[in-house]
C-alpha atoms as a PDB file:
ATOM      1  CA  MET A   1       0.000   0.000   0.000  1.00  0.00           C
ATOM      2  CA  GLU A   2       1.301   3.406  -0.985  1.00  0.00           C
ATOM      3  CA  LEU A   3      -0.102   6.950  -0.769  1.00  0.00           C
ATOM      4  CA  HIS A   4      -0.998   7.143  -4.472  1.00  0.00           C
ATOM      5  CA  THR A   5      -3.099   3.972  -4.225  1.00  0.00           C
ATOM      6  CA  LEU A   6      -5.298   5.118  -1.308  1.00  0.00           C
ATOM      7  CA  GLN A   7      -8.993   5.578  -2.113  1.00  0.00           C
ATOM      8  CA  PRO A   8     -12.069   6.340   0.035  1.00  0.00           C
ATOM      9  CA  ALA A   9     -14.387   3.469   0.917  1.00  0.00           C
ATOM     10  CA  GLU A  10     -17.132   2.655  -1.548  1.00  0.00           C
ATOM     11  CA  GLY A  11     -20.184   4.884  -1.025  1.00  0.00           C
ATOM     12  CA  ALA A  12     -18.287   7.315   1.221  1.00  0.00           C
ATOM     13  CA  ILE A  13     -18.326  10.120  -1.359  1.00  0.00           C
ATOM     14  CA  LYS A  14     -21.648  11.280  -2.818  1.00  0.00           C
ATOM     15  CA  LYS A  15     -22.149  13.747  -5.621  1.00  0.00           C
ATOM     16  CA  ARG A  16     -23.736  17.042  -4.551  1.00  0.00           C
ATOM     17  CA  LYS A  17     -27.317  17.690  -5.710  1.00  0.00           C
ATOM     18  CA  ILE A  18     -27.221  20.670  -8.097  1.00  0.00           C
ATOM     19  CA  ILE A  19     -30.433  22.698  -7.933  1.00  0.00           C
ATOM     20  CA  GLY A  20     -31.715  25.870  -9.576  1.00  0.00           C
ATOM     21  CA  ARG A  21     -29.748  25.537 -12.832  1.00  0.00           C
ATOM     22  CA  GLY A  22     -32.555  25.420 -15.345  1.00  0.00           C
ATOM     23  CA  GLN A  23     -35.334  23.042 -16.406  1.00  0.00           C
ATOM     24  CA  GLY A  24     -32.979  20.632 -18.112  1.00  0.00           C
ATOM     25  CA  SER A  25     -31.432  19.645 -14.793  1.00  0.00           C
ATOM     26  CA  GLY A  26     -34.744  18.358 -13.452  1.00  0.00           C
ATOM     27  CA  LYS A  27     -34.281  20.569 -10.377  1.00  0.00           C
ATOM     28  CA  GLY A  28     -34.945  23.973 -11.975  1.00  0.00           C
ATOM     29  CA  GLY A  29     -37.960  26.277 -11.540  1.00  0.00           C
ATOM     30  CA  THR A  30     -38.739  26.184  -7.836  1.00  0.00           C
ATOM     31  CA  ALA A  31     -35.398  24.493  -7.046  1.00  0.00           C
ATOM     32  CA  THR A  32     -36.975  22.042  -4.544  1.00  0.00           C
ATOM     33  CA  ARG A  33     -38.408  24.878  -2.431  1.00  0.00           C
ATOM     34  CA  GLY A  34     -42.079  24.396  -3.317  1.00  0.00           C
ATOM     35  CA  HIS A  35     -44.373  27.178  -4.590  1.00  0.00           C
ATOM     36  CA  LYS A  36     -44.564  30.695  -3.114  1.00  0.00           C
ATOM     37  CA  GLY A  37     -44.446  31.625   0.566  1.00  0.00           C
ATOM     38  CA  ALA A  38     -41.694  32.972   2.780  1.00  0.00           C
ATOM     39  CA  GLN A  39     -39.821  29.665   2.878  1.00  0.00           C
ATOM     40  CA  SER A  40     -39.346  29.676  -0.878  1.00  0.00           C
ATOM     41  CA  ARG A  41     -37.674  33.084  -0.873  1.00  0.00           C
ATOM     42  CA  SER A  42     -34.045  33.914  -0.196  1.00  0.00           C
ATOM     43  CA  GLY A  43     -33.200  35.441   3.167  1.00  0.00           C
ATOM     44  CA  TYR A  44     -35.943  33.496   4.974  1.00  0.00           C
ATOM     45  CA  LYS A  45     -35.327  32.851   8.669  1.00  0.00           C
ATOM     46  CA  THR A  46     -37.556  31.799  11.585  1.00  0.00           C
ATOM     47  CA  ARG A  47     -37.142  32.709  15.190  1.00  0.00           C
ATOM     48  CA  PRO A  48     -35.379  29.930  17.108  1.00  0.00           C
ATOM     49  CA  ASN A  49     -38.480  29.272  19.254  1.00  0.00           C
ATOM     50  CA  PHE A  50     -41.092  29.595  16.479  1.00  0.00           C
ATOM     51  CA  GLN A  51     -43.542  26.694  16.502  1.00  0.00           C
ATOM     52  CA  GLY A  52     -45.543  27.311  13.347  1.00  0.00           C
ATOM     53  CA  GLY A  53     -48.038  29.736  14.853  1.00  0.00           C
ATOM     54  CA  GLN A  54     -48.668  27.576  17.915  1.00  0.00           C
ATOM     55  CA  LEU A  55     -48.116  29.405  21.194  1.00  0.00           C
ATOM     56  CA  PRO A  56     -44.426  28.769  21.999  1.00  0.00           C
ATOM     57  CA  LEU A  57     -43.512  26.768  25.073  1.00  0.00           C
ATOM     58  CA  HIS A  58     -41.725  29.670  26.760  1.00  0.00           C
ATOM     59  CA  MET A  59     -44.900  31.766  26.523  1.00  0.00           C
ATOM     60  CA  SER A  60     -47.314  29.063  27.673  1.00  0.00           C
ATOM     61  CA  ALA A  61     -45.192  27.976  30.646  1.00  0.00           C
ATOM     62  CA  PRO A  62     -46.089  29.581  33.997  1.00  0.00           C
ATOM     63  CA  LYS A  63     -44.311  32.779  34.893  1.00  0.00           C
ATOM     64  CA  MET A  64     -42.117  33.061  37.977  1.00  0.00           C
ATOM     65  CA  ALA A  65     -44.129  33.608  41.130  1.00  0.00           C
ATOM     66  CA  LYS A  66     -43.633  36.548  43.468  1.00  0.00           C
ATOM     67  CA  ARG A  67     -40.581  35.874  45.573  1.00  0.00           C
ATOM     68  CA  ASN A  68     -40.928  35.707  49.328  1.00  0.00           C
ATOM     69  CA  THR A  69     -38.492  38.297  50.641  1.00  0.00           C
ATOM     70  CA  GLN A  70     -39.392  37.753  54.270  1.00  0.00           C
ATOM     71  CA  ALA A  71     -36.366  36.989  56.464  1.00  0.00           C
ATOM     72  CA  LYS A  72     -35.909  33.339  57.425  1.00  0.00           C
ATOM     73  CA  TYR A  73     -35.076  32.778  61.081  1.00  0.00           C
ATOM     74  CA  LYS A  74     -33.883  29.661  62.845  1.00  0.00           C
ATOM     75  CA  SER A  75     -35.632  29.297  66.186  1.00  0.00           C
ATOM     76  CA  ILE A  76     -34.169  28.737  69.630  1.00  0.00           C
ATOM     77  CA  ASN A  77     -36.155  28.314  72.836  1.00  0.00           C
ATOM     78  CA  LEU A  78     -35.547  29.667  76.339  1.00  0.00           C
ATOM     79  CA  ASP A  79     -34.777  26.258  77.827  1.00  0.00           C
ATOM     80  CA  THR A  80     -31.993  25.802  75.242  1.00  0.00           C
ATOM     81  CA  LEU A  81     -30.569  29.215  76.175  1.00  0.00           C
ATOM     82  CA  GLU A  82     -30.544  28.230  79.836  1.00  0.00           C
ATOM     83  CA  MET A  83     -28.783  24.952  79.062  1.00  0.00           C
ATOM     84  CA  ILE A  84     -26.084  26.776  77.031  1.00  0.00           C
ATOM     85  CA  ALA A  85     -25.608  29.358  79.809  1.00  0.00           C
ATOM     86  CA  GLU A  86     -25.054  26.536  82.340  1.00  0.00           C
ATOM     87  CA  LYS A  87     -22.612  24.675  80.072  1.00  0.00           C
ATOM     88  CA  SER A  88     -20.524  27.731  79.230  1.00  0.00           C
ATOM     89  CA  ALA A  89     -20.949  29.488  82.603  1.00  0.00           C
ATOM     90  CA  LYS A  90     -21.685  32.790  80.886  1.00  0.00           C
ATOM     91  CA  SER A  91     -24.506  35.269  81.383  1.00  0.00           C
ATOM     92  CA  THR A  92     -24.249  36.774  77.877  1.00  0.00           C
ATOM     93  CA  ILE A  93     -25.541  34.699  74.961  1.00  0.00           C
ATOM     94  CA  THR A  94     -24.098  35.798  71.610  1.00  0.00           C
ATOM     95  CA  ALA A  95     -24.208  34.442  68.076  1.00  0.00           C
ATOM     96  CA  ASP A  96     -20.610  33.211  68.385  1.00  0.00           C
ATOM     97  CA  LEU A  97     -21.499  31.182  71.481  1.00  0.00           C
ATOM     98  CA  LEU A  98     -24.478  29.563  69.726  1.00  0.00           C
ATOM     99  CA  ILE A  99     -22.354  28.785  66.654  1.00  0.00           C
ATOM    100  CA  ALA A 100     -19.694  27.240  68.896  1.00  0.00           C
ATOM    101  CA  HIS A 101     -22.351  24.935  70.396  1.00  0.00           C
ATOM    102  CA  GLY A 102     -23.389  23.888  66.861  1.00  0.00           C
ATOM    103  CA  LEU A 103     -26.894  25.366  66.915  1.00  0.00           C
ATOM    104  CA  PHE A 104     -26.410  27.603  63.880  1.00  0.00           C
ATOM    105  CA  LYS A 105     -24.071  28.234  61.019  1.00  0.00           C
ATOM    106  CA  LYS A 106     -22.272  31.512  60.577  1.00  0.00           C
ATOM    107  CA  GLY A 107     -24.470  34.113  58.885  1.00  0.00           C
ATOM    108  CA  GLU A 108     -27.791  32.499  59.824  1.00  0.00           C
ATOM    109  CA  LYS A 109     -30.367  34.628  61.623  1.00  0.00           C
ATOM    110  CA  TYR A 110     -32.063  33.315  64.733  1.00  0.00           C
ATOM    111  CA  LYS A 111     -35.141  34.166  66.780  1.00  0.00           C
ATOM    112  CA  ILE A 112     -35.697  33.568  70.480  1.00  0.00           C
ATOM    113  CA  LEU A 113     -38.993  31.798  71.247  1.00  0.00           C
ATOM    114  CA  GLY A 114     -40.736  31.526  74.618  1.00  0.00           C
ATOM    115  CA  LYS A 115     -40.950  27.740  75.083  1.00  0.00           C
ATOM    116  CA  GLY A 116     -39.556  26.512  78.380  1.00  0.00           C
ATOM    117  CA  SER A 117     -38.570  28.415  81.488  1.00  0.00           C
ATOM    118  CA  LEU A 118     -35.668  30.609  82.499  1.00  0.00           C
ATOM    119  CA  THR A 119     -34.141  30.843  85.978  1.00  0.00           C
ATOM    120  CA  LYS A 120     -31.014  32.892  85.239  1.00  0.00           C
ATOM    121  CA  GLN A 121     -30.483  36.543  84.466  1.00  0.00           C
ATOM    122  CA  LEU A 122     -29.223  36.582  80.854  1.00  0.00           C
ATOM    123  CA  THR A 123     -28.219  39.163  78.281  1.00  0.00           C
ATOM    124  CA  VAL A 124     -29.202  37.761  74.899  1.00  0.00           C
ATOM    125  CA  ASN A 125     -28.123  39.016  71.475  1.00  0.00           C
ATOM    126  CA  ALA A 126     -30.589  37.913  68.781  1.00  0.00           C
ATOM    127  CA  HIS A 127     -31.940  38.929  65.394  1.00  0.00           C
ATOM    128  CA  ALA A 128     -35.557  38.673  66.588  1.00  0.00           C
ATOM    129  CA  CYS A 129     -37.476  37.761  69.722  1.00  0.00           C
ATOM    130  CA  SER A 130     -41.062  36.728  70.418  1.00  0.00           C
ATOM    131  CA  ARG A 131     -43.162  38.742  72.853  1.00  0.00           C
ATOM    132  CA  SER A 132     -43.476  35.845  75.329  1.00  0.00           C
ATOM    133  CA  ALA A 133     -39.695  35.259  75.349  1.00  0.00           C
ATOM    134  CA  ARG A 134     -39.032  38.974  75.891  1.00  0.00           C
ATOM    135  CA  GLU A 135     -41.423  39.013  78.884  1.00  0.00           C
ATOM    136  CA  VAL A 136     -39.753  35.984  80.506  1.00  0.00           C
ATOM    137  CA  ILE A 137     -36.224  37.373  80.019  1.00  0.00           C
ATOM    138  CA  GLU A 138     -37.165  40.812  81.353  1.00  0.00           C
ATOM    139  CA  LYS A 139     -39.006  39.207  84.302  1.00  0.00           C
ATOM    140  CA  GLN A 140     -35.654  37.648  85.307  1.00  0.00           C
ATOM    141  CA  LYS A 141     -34.095  41.151  84.994  1.00  0.00           C
ATOM    142  CA  GLY A 142     -32.296  40.079  81.834  1.00  0.00           C
ATOM    143  CA  GLU A 143     -31.854  42.046  78.606  1.00  0.00           C
ATOM    144  CA  ILE A 144     -32.552  41.417  74.897  1.00  0.00           C
ATOM    145  CA  ILE A 145     -30.327  43.118  72.315  1.00  0.00           C
ATOM    146  CA  ILE A 146     -31.696  42.953  68.756  1.00  0.00           C
ATOM    147  CA  GLU A 147     -28.973  42.762  66.084  1.00  0.00           C
ATOM    148  CA  LYS A 148     -29.415  43.621  62.442  1.00  0.00           C
END
């Protein structure tokens, strides 16, 4: 086998169909485009999402709903705060202390809820606090500091 003897496989090369070169070719006149209409004319293009006059999928699909922009809070109860205060022997509960105990991840917002009881005087830093929790903390002469 040498380079000058190489040939493509049989049937690998087809002759190009020549259209629009007169009636004698058998493909003249309309040049396989059919009669009249936009598709028979040069320069014809459709939009990528055109579905032949049917309402396109992107228009019939539901639109995006109104987004809920309300802040999402993780909740923590008073009895959990008391337990953490006993473990750490601190009277000030901060976000860093709660993160260290594995209750939240950094950057998460949390809200103090009023479930359980409180026997210690605590200063609590939180992003939000329920009315019942605030009453219990203030009853014990504690303080709530709301962070932003």
